[in-house]
Amino acid sequence: MSEQPSTVQPTSDEKLWAILSYLLAPWVSLVIMLFVKEKAESPFIRYHHIQALGWGVVGLVISLLTVGFCGIIWLIGSIYFAVKANNGEYVVIPVLTDLMKKQGWL
C-alpha cells in the first residue's frame, strides 16, 4: 500500500473505526481483522487499524514491564492519535510506522 492513499476524505464511519482502533488498541484492531473484514478494505481504516494494533501491543508490553508506569503516557498517545484520525489525518508514530512500512504492512 502506498504511504498515504488518495486525497479522498474519509467518511465519518471510517473516522469512527480509526478512533476506536486507537482508544481500544489492540482489541478493536483484532476485531476488524477477524470479524469485520469489509471495514479493513478501506485504505483509511486499514492504515489506522494496523498501526493501532502495533501501538497497542507495544503499549501493553511496555506497561507490563514498567508495572503500569508508562501506561498513562501510552493512553495520552492513544488519545492524541485518535484525535488526529478524527481529523482525517494519517498518523505517523516515529519508530513504529517506519518499521511497519519496511515490513510491508502499511
N, C-alpha and C. Protein backbone atom coordinates (compact mmCIF):
# COMPACT_ATOMS: atom_id res chain seq x y z
N MET A 1 0.85 -1.18 0.00
CA MET A 1 0.00 0.00 0.00
C MET A 1 0.89 1.23 0.00
N SER A 2 0.41 2.25 -0.64
CA SER A 2 1.19 3.48 -0.68
C SER A 2 1.22 4.14 0.69
N GLU A 3 2.12 5.11 0.82
CA GLU A 3 2.31 5.77 2.11
C GLU A 3 1.03 6.39 2.63
N GLN A 4 0.41 7.21 1.83
CA GLN A 4 -0.88 7.80 2.21
C GLN A 4 -1.77 7.77 0.98
N PRO A 5 -2.82 6.93 1.02
CA PRO A 5 -3.69 6.80 -0.14
C PRO A 5 -4.28 8.14 -0.57
N SER A 6 -5.05 8.10 -1.61
CA SER A 6 -5.57 9.28 -2.30
C SER A 6 -6.04 10.40 -1.38
N THR A 7 -6.43 11.47 -2.03
CA THR A 7 -6.87 12.66 -1.30
C THR A 7 -8.35 12.61 -0.94
N VAL A 8 -9.00 11.46 -1.15
CA VAL A 8 -10.41 11.32 -0.82
C VAL A 8 -10.57 11.41 0.70
N GLN A 9 -11.50 12.25 1.13
CA GLN A 9 -11.75 12.42 2.55
C GLN A 9 -12.45 11.19 3.12
N PRO A 10 -12.00 10.72 4.28
CA PRO A 10 -12.66 9.56 4.89
C PRO A 10 -14.06 9.92 5.39
N THR A 11 -14.93 8.93 5.39
CA THR A 11 -16.29 9.14 5.88
C THR A 11 -16.28 9.18 7.41
N SER A 12 -17.39 9.60 7.98
CA SER A 12 -17.47 9.64 9.45
C SER A 12 -17.40 8.23 10.04
N ASP A 13 -17.92 7.23 9.32
CA ASP A 13 -17.82 5.84 9.77
C ASP A 13 -16.37 5.37 9.80
N GLU A 14 -15.62 5.72 8.78
CA GLU A 14 -14.19 5.35 8.74
C GLU A 14 -13.42 6.03 9.86
N LYS A 15 -13.74 7.29 10.10
CA LYS A 15 -13.08 8.01 11.20
C LYS A 15 -13.40 7.37 12.54
N LEU A 16 -14.66 6.96 12.73
CA LEU A 16 -15.05 6.33 13.99
C LEU A 16 -14.27 5.04 14.23
N TRP A 17 -14.15 4.21 13.20
CA TRP A 17 -13.39 2.96 13.35
C TRP A 17 -11.92 3.24 13.64
N ALA A 18 -11.37 4.28 13.03
CA ALA A 18 -9.97 4.63 13.30
C ALA A 18 -9.79 5.11 14.73
N ILE A 19 -10.73 5.93 15.21
CA ILE A 19 -10.68 6.41 16.59
C ILE A 19 -10.75 5.24 17.56
N LEU A 20 -11.70 4.34 17.34
CA LEU A 20 -11.84 3.19 18.22
C LEU A 20 -10.61 2.29 18.19
N SER A 21 -9.97 2.21 17.03
CA SER A 21 -8.76 1.39 16.92
C SER A 21 -7.67 1.87 17.85
N TYR A 22 -7.53 3.19 17.99
CA TYR A 22 -6.50 3.73 18.89
C TYR A 22 -6.93 3.70 20.35
N LEU A 23 -8.18 4.09 20.62
CA LEU A 23 -8.62 4.17 22.01
C LEU A 23 -8.78 2.80 22.66
N LEU A 24 -9.11 1.80 21.88
CA LEU A 24 -9.28 0.45 22.42
C LEU A 24 -8.25 -0.50 21.82
N ALA A 25 -7.06 0.01 21.58
CA ALA A 25 -5.98 -0.79 20.98
C ALA A 25 -5.50 -1.83 21.98
N PRO A 26 -5.18 -2.99 21.56
CA PRO A 26 -5.24 -3.59 20.22
C PRO A 26 -6.52 -4.34 19.94
N TRP A 27 -7.50 -4.28 20.83
CA TRP A 27 -8.68 -5.14 20.73
C TRP A 27 -9.55 -4.84 19.53
N VAL A 28 -9.85 -3.59 19.24
CA VAL A 28 -10.70 -3.26 18.09
C VAL A 28 -10.00 -3.65 16.79
N SER A 29 -8.70 -3.48 16.74
CA SER A 29 -7.95 -3.86 15.54
C SER A 29 -8.06 -5.36 15.29
N LEU A 30 -8.01 -6.14 16.34
CA LEU A 30 -8.18 -7.59 16.19
C LEU A 30 -9.58 -7.94 15.71
N VAL A 31 -10.58 -7.25 16.24
CA VAL A 31 -11.97 -7.48 15.81
C VAL A 31 -12.11 -7.15 14.33
N ILE A 32 -11.53 -6.03 13.89
CA ILE A 32 -11.62 -5.65 12.48
C ILE A 32 -10.97 -6.72 11.61
N MET A 33 -9.79 -7.16 12.01
CA MET A 33 -9.07 -8.17 11.21
C MET A 33 -9.82 -9.49 11.14
N LEU A 34 -10.43 -9.90 12.24
CA LEU A 34 -11.04 -11.22 12.30
C LEU A 34 -12.50 -11.28 11.89
N PHE A 35 -13.28 -10.25 12.22
CA PHE A 35 -14.72 -10.34 12.04
C PHE A 35 -15.35 -9.31 11.12
N VAL A 36 -14.74 -8.16 10.94
CA VAL A 36 -15.35 -7.09 10.15
C VAL A 36 -14.44 -6.79 8.96
N LYS A 37 -14.21 -7.79 8.15
CA LYS A 37 -13.24 -7.68 7.07
C LYS A 37 -13.61 -6.64 6.02
N GLU A 38 -14.91 -6.37 5.85
CA GLU A 38 -15.29 -5.35 4.85
C GLU A 38 -14.82 -3.97 5.27
N LYS A 39 -14.67 -3.74 6.58
CA LYS A 39 -14.12 -2.45 7.03
C LYS A 39 -12.64 -2.35 6.73
N ALA A 40 -11.94 -3.47 6.78
CA ALA A 40 -10.50 -3.48 6.54
C ALA A 40 -10.16 -3.21 5.07
N GLU A 41 -11.15 -3.21 4.20
CA GLU A 41 -10.90 -2.91 2.79
C GLU A 41 -10.70 -1.42 2.54
N SER A 42 -11.16 -0.59 3.44
CA SER A 42 -10.97 0.86 3.32
C SER A 42 -9.51 1.19 3.61
N PRO A 43 -8.82 1.91 2.71
CA PRO A 43 -7.42 2.24 2.96
C PRO A 43 -7.21 3.04 4.24
N PHE A 44 -8.13 3.92 4.57
CA PHE A 44 -8.01 4.74 5.78
C PHE A 44 -8.11 3.87 7.03
N ILE A 45 -9.11 3.01 7.08
CA ILE A 45 -9.28 2.13 8.24
C ILE A 45 -8.13 1.14 8.32
N ARG A 46 -7.73 0.57 7.19
CA ARG A 46 -6.63 -0.40 7.19
C ARG A 46 -5.35 0.22 7.74
N TYR A 47 -5.02 1.40 7.28
CA TYR A 47 -3.81 2.08 7.75
C TYR A 47 -3.85 2.26 9.27
N HIS A 48 -4.97 2.77 9.76
CA HIS A 48 -5.06 3.06 11.19
C HIS A 48 -5.18 1.81 12.05
N HIS A 49 -5.92 0.82 11.59
CA HIS A 49 -6.09 -0.34 12.46
C HIS A 49 -4.82 -1.16 12.54
N ILE A 50 -4.05 -1.25 11.48
CA ILE A 50 -2.78 -1.97 11.56
C ILE A 50 -1.81 -1.23 12.47
N GLN A 51 -1.76 0.07 12.32
CA GLN A 51 -0.87 0.85 13.16
C GLN A 51 -1.32 0.82 14.62
N ALA A 52 -2.62 0.88 14.87
CA ALA A 52 -3.12 0.82 16.24
C ALA A 52 -2.86 -0.55 16.87
N LEU A 53 -2.89 -1.59 16.06
CA LEU A 53 -2.57 -2.93 16.57
C LEU A 53 -1.14 -2.97 17.07
N GLY A 54 -0.21 -2.46 16.29
CA GLY A 54 1.18 -2.39 16.72
C GLY A 54 1.35 -1.50 17.94
N TRP A 55 0.68 -0.35 17.94
CA TRP A 55 0.74 0.59 19.06
C TRP A 55 0.20 -0.07 20.33
N GLY A 56 -0.88 -0.81 20.21
CA GLY A 56 -1.47 -1.47 21.36
C GLY A 56 -0.59 -2.56 21.94
N VAL A 57 0.01 -3.36 21.07
CA VAL A 57 0.90 -4.44 21.53
C VAL A 57 2.13 -3.85 22.22
N VAL A 58 2.74 -2.85 21.60
CA VAL A 58 3.91 -2.21 22.21
C VAL A 58 3.53 -1.57 23.55
N GLY A 59 2.40 -0.91 23.60
CA GLY A 59 1.95 -0.27 24.83
C GLY A 59 1.69 -1.27 25.95
N LEU A 60 1.06 -2.39 25.61
CA LEU A 60 0.80 -3.40 26.63
C LEU A 60 2.09 -4.01 27.17
N VAL A 61 3.03 -4.30 26.28
CA VAL A 61 4.30 -4.89 26.71
C VAL A 61 5.06 -3.92 27.60
N ILE A 62 5.16 -2.67 27.18
CA ILE A 62 5.89 -1.67 27.97
C ILE A 62 5.20 -1.43 29.31
N SER A 63 3.87 -1.38 29.31
CA SER A 63 3.15 -1.18 30.57
C SER A 63 3.36 -2.34 31.54
N LEU A 64 3.39 -3.55 31.00
CA LEU A 64 3.64 -4.70 31.86
C LEU A 64 5.05 -4.70 32.42
N LEU A 65 6.01 -4.30 31.58
CA LEU A 65 7.40 -4.28 32.04
C LEU A 65 7.66 -3.19 33.06
N THR A 66 6.96 -2.09 32.95
CA THR A 66 7.18 -0.97 33.87
C THR A 66 6.10 -0.92 34.96
N VAL A 67 5.35 -1.99 35.10
CA VAL A 67 4.29 -2.11 36.09
C VAL A 67 3.29 -0.95 35.98
N GLY A 68 2.90 -0.64 34.77
CA GLY A 68 1.88 0.37 34.53
C GLY A 68 2.36 1.81 34.55
N PHE A 69 3.61 2.05 34.88
CA PHE A 69 4.11 3.43 34.96
C PHE A 69 3.97 4.16 33.63
N CYS A 70 4.28 3.50 32.53
CA CYS A 70 4.19 4.13 31.21
C CYS A 70 2.79 4.04 30.61
N GLY A 71 1.87 3.41 31.32
CA GLY A 71 0.50 3.27 30.82
C GLY A 71 -0.18 4.60 30.60
N ILE A 72 0.08 5.57 31.44
CA ILE A 72 -0.53 6.90 31.29
C ILE A 72 0.00 7.59 30.04
N ILE A 73 1.29 7.47 29.80
CA ILE A 73 1.89 8.06 28.60
C ILE A 73 1.31 7.40 27.35
N TRP A 74 1.15 6.07 27.41
CA TRP A 74 0.57 5.34 26.29
C TRP A 74 -0.86 5.79 26.04
N LEU A 75 -1.64 5.98 27.11
CA LEU A 75 -3.02 6.43 26.99
C LEU A 75 -3.10 7.82 26.37
N ILE A 76 -2.24 8.72 26.80
CA ILE A 76 -2.21 10.07 26.22
C ILE A 76 -1.88 10.00 24.73
N GLY A 77 -0.91 9.16 24.37
CA GLY A 77 -0.57 8.97 22.96
C GLY A 77 -1.75 8.43 22.17
N SER A 78 -2.47 7.47 22.75
CA SER A 78 -3.63 6.90 22.08
C SER A 78 -4.70 7.95 21.81
N ILE A 79 -4.94 8.80 22.78
CA ILE A 79 -5.93 9.88 22.61
C ILE A 79 -5.48 10.85 21.53
N TYR A 80 -4.19 11.20 21.54
CA TYR A 80 -3.65 12.11 20.53
C TYR A 80 -3.81 11.52 19.12
N PHE A 81 -3.48 10.24 18.96
CA PHE A 81 -3.61 9.59 17.65
C PHE A 81 -5.07 9.49 17.23
N ALA A 82 -5.96 9.25 18.18
CA ALA A 82 -7.39 9.18 17.87
C ALA A 82 -7.91 10.53 17.38
N VAL A 83 -7.47 11.61 18.00
CA VAL A 83 -7.89 12.95 17.57
C VAL A 83 -7.39 13.23 16.15
N LYS A 84 -6.14 12.87 15.87
CA LYS A 84 -5.61 13.08 14.52
C LYS A 84 -6.38 12.25 13.50
N ALA A 85 -6.74 11.01 13.86
CA ALA A 85 -7.53 10.17 12.95
C ALA A 85 -8.91 10.77 12.74
N ASN A 86 -9.49 11.36 13.77
CA ASN A 86 -10.79 12.00 13.64
C ASN A 86 -10.73 13.20 12.69
N ASN A 87 -9.58 13.83 12.62
CA ASN A 87 -9.40 14.95 11.68
C ASN A 87 -9.12 14.48 10.26
N GLY A 88 -9.09 13.17 10.05
CA GLY A 88 -8.86 12.61 8.72
C GLY A 88 -7.40 12.52 8.35
N GLU A 89 -6.52 12.65 9.32
CA GLU A 89 -5.08 12.61 9.07
C GLU A 89 -4.55 11.19 9.20
N TYR A 90 -3.43 10.94 8.53
CA TYR A 90 -2.72 9.68 8.68
C TYR A 90 -1.63 9.88 9.72
N VAL A 91 -1.73 9.14 10.80
CA VAL A 91 -0.83 9.28 11.94
C VAL A 91 0.52 8.64 11.62
N VAL A 92 1.59 9.30 12.04
CA VAL A 92 2.93 8.74 11.92
C VAL A 92 3.50 8.60 13.32
N ILE A 93 3.64 7.35 13.77
CA ILE A 93 4.24 7.06 15.07
C ILE A 93 5.72 6.84 14.80
N PRO A 94 6.61 7.65 15.39
CA PRO A 94 8.01 7.72 14.99
C PRO A 94 8.70 6.41 14.58
N VAL A 95 8.90 5.48 15.43
CA VAL A 95 9.64 4.27 15.06
C VAL A 95 8.71 3.21 14.49
N LEU A 96 7.52 3.12 15.03
CA LEU A 96 6.58 2.08 14.67
C LEU A 96 6.12 2.16 13.22
N THR A 97 5.80 3.35 12.74
CA THR A 97 5.33 3.50 11.37
C THR A 97 6.41 3.08 10.38
N ASP A 98 7.65 3.49 10.61
CA ASP A 98 8.74 3.10 9.71
C ASP A 98 8.94 1.60 9.70
N LEU A 99 8.90 0.98 10.86
CA LEU A 99 9.05 -0.47 10.96
C LEU A 99 7.94 -1.19 10.21
N MET A 100 6.71 -0.73 10.36
CA MET A 100 5.58 -1.37 9.69
C MET A 100 5.64 -1.18 8.17
N LYS A 101 6.13 -0.03 7.73
CA LYS A 101 6.28 0.18 6.28
C LYS A 101 7.35 -0.71 5.70
N LYS A 102 8.47 -0.89 6.43
CA LYS A 102 9.54 -1.76 5.97
C LYS A 102 9.08 -3.20 5.88
N GLN A 103 8.18 -3.60 6.77
CA GLN A 103 7.66 -4.97 6.75
C GLN A 103 6.58 -5.15 5.69
N GLY A 104 6.10 -4.05 5.11
CA GLY A 104 5.08 -4.13 4.07
C GLY A 104 3.67 -4.20 4.62
N TRP A 105 3.48 -3.89 5.89
CA TRP A 105 2.16 -3.94 6.50
C TRP A 105 1.35 -2.67 6.22
N LEU A 106 2.02 -1.55 6.01
CA LEU A 106 1.33 -0.30 5.71
C LEU A 106 1.62 0.10 4.28
